[in-house]
Amino acid sequence: MLQNIGLPGLLLIAVVVLVLFGKGKVSSLMGEVGKGITAFKKGVSDGTAEIEKERAEAAKDVTPAETAAKDKV
């Protein structure tokens, strides 16, 4: 059903939404959507950075536990 919506259909939907909600409401809604997308991207990048940091910390400690214990004695 959605495959058959072309440019004229999308324009008609946009005009109906604009008439129903008004210019101010639609622009504020799109601003909120933009903020949400930005926050989502930031969260994904922060999560990726945190995972990479944990991997880097795990890679630093490559000394076996037995060798470390013998060196302390």
N, C-alpha and C. Protein backbone atom coordinates (compact mmCIF):
# COMPACT_ATOMS: atom_id res chain seq x y z
N MET A 1 0.82 -1.18 0.00
CA MET A 1 0.00 0.00 0.00
C MET A 1 0.87 1.26 0.00
N LEU A 2 1.92 1.27 0.82
CA LEU A 2 2.77 2.46 0.88
C LEU A 2 3.66 2.61 -0.35
N GLN A 3 3.85 1.53 -1.10
CA GLN A 3 4.68 1.61 -2.30
C GLN A 3 4.01 2.47 -3.38
N ASN A 4 2.70 2.58 -3.34
CA ASN A 4 1.98 3.29 -4.38
C ASN A 4 1.85 4.79 -4.12
N ILE A 5 2.33 5.28 -2.97
CA ILE A 5 2.26 6.70 -2.67
C ILE A 5 3.41 7.39 -3.39
N GLY A 6 3.08 8.30 -4.27
CA GLY A 6 4.10 9.03 -5.02
C GLY A 6 4.29 10.42 -4.46
N LEU A 7 4.94 11.26 -5.22
CA LEU A 7 5.18 12.64 -4.81
C LEU A 7 3.88 13.41 -4.61
N PRO A 8 2.90 13.30 -5.51
CA PRO A 8 1.64 14.03 -5.28
C PRO A 8 0.93 13.58 -4.00
N GLY A 9 0.98 12.31 -3.69
CA GLY A 9 0.37 11.81 -2.46
C GLY A 9 1.05 12.35 -1.22
N LEU A 10 2.38 12.39 -1.26
CA LEU A 10 3.13 12.93 -0.12
C LEU A 10 2.86 14.41 0.06
N LEU A 11 2.77 15.14 -1.04
CA LEU A 11 2.46 16.57 -0.95
C LEU A 11 1.08 16.79 -0.37
N LEU A 12 0.11 15.98 -0.77
CA LEU A 12 -1.25 16.09 -0.24
C LEU A 12 -1.27 15.81 1.26
N ILE A 13 -0.55 14.79 1.68
CA ILE A 13 -0.47 14.47 3.11
C ILE A 13 0.17 15.62 3.88
N ALA A 14 1.24 16.20 3.33
CA ALA A 14 1.92 17.32 3.99
C ALA A 14 0.99 18.52 4.13
N VAL A 15 0.21 18.82 3.10
CA VAL A 15 -0.73 19.95 3.15
C VAL A 15 -1.81 19.70 4.19
N VAL A 16 -2.34 18.48 4.25
CA VAL A 16 -3.38 18.16 5.23
C VAL A 16 -2.84 18.29 6.64
N VAL A 17 -1.65 17.78 6.89
CA VAL A 17 -1.04 17.88 8.22
C VAL A 17 -0.81 19.35 8.58
N LEU A 18 -0.35 20.14 7.63
CA LEU A 18 -0.10 21.56 7.87
C LEU A 18 -1.40 22.29 8.19
N VAL A 19 -2.46 21.98 7.50
CA VAL A 19 -3.75 22.62 7.75
C VAL A 19 -4.31 22.19 9.11
N LEU A 20 -4.19 20.92 9.44
CA LEU A 20 -4.75 20.43 10.70
C LEU A 20 -4.00 20.96 11.93
N PHE A 21 -2.69 20.97 11.88
CA PHE A 21 -1.91 21.31 13.06
C PHE A 21 -1.34 22.72 13.06
N GLY A 22 -1.23 23.34 11.93
CA GLY A 22 -0.67 24.68 11.85
C GLY A 22 0.84 24.67 11.72
N LYS A 23 1.36 25.77 11.19
CA LYS A 23 2.79 25.88 10.91
C LYS A 23 3.64 25.81 12.19
N GLY A 24 3.22 26.49 13.23
CA GLY A 24 4.00 26.53 14.48
C GLY A 24 4.10 25.17 15.14
N LYS A 25 3.01 24.45 15.17
CA LYS A 25 3.01 23.14 15.82
C LYS A 25 3.87 22.15 15.04
N VAL A 26 3.77 22.18 13.70
CA VAL A 26 4.56 21.26 12.88
C VAL A 26 6.05 21.58 13.00
N SER A 27 6.42 22.87 12.99
CA SER A 27 7.84 23.22 13.09
C SER A 27 8.41 22.85 14.46
N SER A 28 7.63 23.04 15.52
CA SER A 28 8.13 22.66 16.84
C SER A 28 8.24 21.14 16.96
N LEU A 29 7.31 20.42 16.35
CA LEU A 29 7.37 18.97 16.36
C LEU A 29 8.62 18.48 15.62
N MET A 30 8.92 19.08 14.47
CA MET A 30 10.12 18.69 13.71
C MET A 30 11.39 19.04 14.48
N GLY A 31 11.35 20.14 15.23
CA GLY A 31 12.50 20.49 16.07
C GLY A 31 12.74 19.45 17.14
N GLU A 32 11.66 18.97 17.74
CA GLU A 32 11.78 17.93 18.76
C GLU A 32 12.28 16.62 18.16
N VAL A 33 11.83 16.31 16.95
CA VAL A 33 12.30 15.10 16.27
C VAL A 33 13.81 15.22 16.00
N GLY A 34 14.24 16.39 15.58
CA GLY A 34 15.67 16.62 15.33
C GLY A 34 16.49 16.47 16.59
N LYS A 35 15.98 17.00 17.71
CA LYS A 35 16.69 16.86 18.98
C LYS A 35 16.77 15.39 19.40
N GLY A 36 15.69 14.66 19.16
CA GLY A 36 15.68 13.24 19.50
C GLY A 36 16.69 12.45 18.69
N ILE A 37 16.77 12.76 17.41
CA ILE A 37 17.74 12.07 16.55
C ILE A 37 19.16 12.39 16.99
N THR A 38 19.41 13.66 17.32
CA THR A 38 20.73 14.07 17.78
C THR A 38 21.10 13.36 19.08
N ALA A 39 20.15 13.29 20.01
CA ALA A 39 20.41 12.60 21.28
C ALA A 39 20.66 11.12 21.06
N PHE A 40 19.93 10.51 20.14
CA PHE A 40 20.13 9.09 19.84
C PHE A 40 21.53 8.85 19.27
N LYS A 41 21.95 9.67 18.32
CA LYS A 41 23.28 9.53 17.73
C LYS A 41 24.37 9.72 18.79
N LYS A 42 24.17 10.69 19.70
CA LYS A 42 25.15 10.92 20.75
C LYS A 42 25.22 9.72 21.68
N GLY A 43 24.07 9.15 22.01
CA GLY A 43 24.04 7.97 22.87
C GLY A 43 24.74 6.78 22.24
N VAL A 44 24.53 6.60 20.95
CA VAL A 44 25.18 5.49 20.25
C VAL A 44 26.69 5.69 20.23
N SER A 45 27.14 6.91 19.94
CA SER A 45 28.58 7.15 19.89
C SER A 45 29.21 7.03 21.28
N ASP A 46 28.49 7.49 22.32
CA ASP A 46 29.00 7.34 23.69
C ASP A 46 29.11 5.87 24.07
N GLY A 47 28.11 5.09 23.70
CA GLY A 47 28.14 3.66 23.98
C GLY A 47 29.28 2.97 23.27
N THR A 48 29.50 3.33 22.02
CA THR A 48 30.60 2.75 21.26
C THR A 48 31.95 3.13 21.88
N ALA A 49 32.08 4.39 22.30
CA ALA A 49 33.32 4.83 22.92
C ALA A 49 33.57 4.10 24.23
N GLU A 50 32.50 3.86 24.99
CA GLU A 50 32.64 3.15 26.26
C GLU A 50 33.08 1.70 26.03
N ILE A 51 32.52 1.07 25.03
CA ILE A 51 32.91 -0.31 24.70
C ILE A 51 34.37 -0.37 24.27
N GLU A 52 34.77 0.57 23.43
CA GLU A 52 36.17 0.61 22.98
C GLU A 52 37.11 0.86 24.15
N LYS A 53 36.70 1.71 25.10
CA LYS A 53 37.54 1.98 26.26
C LYS A 53 37.70 0.72 27.11
N GLU A 54 36.60 -0.02 27.29
CA GLU A 54 36.68 -1.27 28.06
C GLU A 54 37.57 -2.29 27.36
N ARG A 55 37.49 -2.36 26.04
CA ARG A 55 38.35 -3.29 25.29
C ARG A 55 39.81 -2.90 25.43
N ALA A 56 40.08 -1.60 25.39
CA ALA A 56 41.47 -1.13 25.51
C ALA A 56 42.02 -1.44 26.89
N GLU A 57 41.21 -1.26 27.94
CA GLU A 57 41.66 -1.56 29.30
C GLU A 57 41.90 -3.06 29.47
N ALA A 58 41.06 -3.87 28.87
CA ALA A 58 41.23 -5.32 28.96
C ALA A 58 42.48 -5.77 28.21
N ALA A 59 42.81 -5.08 27.14
CA ALA A 59 43.97 -5.45 26.34
C ALA A 59 45.28 -5.03 27.03
N LYS A 60 45.23 -4.04 27.90
CA LYS A 60 46.44 -3.58 28.59
C LYS A 60 46.99 -4.65 29.52
N ASP A 61 46.12 -5.33 30.25
CA ASP A 61 46.55 -6.30 31.25
C ASP A 61 46.65 -7.67 30.60
N VAL A 62 47.82 -7.96 30.03
CA VAL A 62 48.03 -9.24 29.37
C VAL A 62 48.96 -10.15 30.17
N THR A 63 49.40 -9.70 31.34
CA THR A 63 50.30 -10.48 32.17
C THR A 63 49.53 -11.61 32.84
N PRO A 64 49.97 -12.86 32.72
CA PRO A 64 49.28 -13.95 33.41
C PRO A 64 49.35 -13.77 34.92
N ALA A 65 48.37 -14.28 35.61
CA ALA A 65 48.30 -14.11 37.07
C ALA A 65 49.45 -14.83 37.77
N GLU A 66 49.89 -15.98 37.27
CA GLU A 66 50.96 -16.73 37.91
C GLU A 66 52.27 -15.99 37.86
N THR A 67 52.61 -15.39 36.73
CA THR A 67 53.86 -14.64 36.59
C THR A 67 53.85 -13.43 37.49
N ALA A 68 52.73 -12.76 37.58
CA ALA A 68 52.65 -11.60 38.44
C ALA A 68 52.83 -11.97 39.90
N ALA A 69 52.30 -13.11 40.31
CA ALA A 69 52.45 -13.56 41.70
C ALA A 69 53.91 -13.92 42.01
N LYS A 70 54.62 -14.54 41.08
CA LYS A 70 56.02 -14.91 41.28
C LYS A 70 56.90 -13.69 41.38
N ASP A 71 56.58 -12.63 40.59
CA ASP A 71 57.39 -11.42 40.63
C ASP A 71 57.27 -10.70 41.95
N LYS A 72 56.14 -10.82 42.62
CA LYS A 72 55.92 -10.11 43.89
C LYS A 72 56.66 -10.80 45.04
N VAL A 73 56.96 -12.08 44.94
CA VAL A 73 57.60 -12.82 46.03
C VAL A 73 59.04 -12.55 46.11
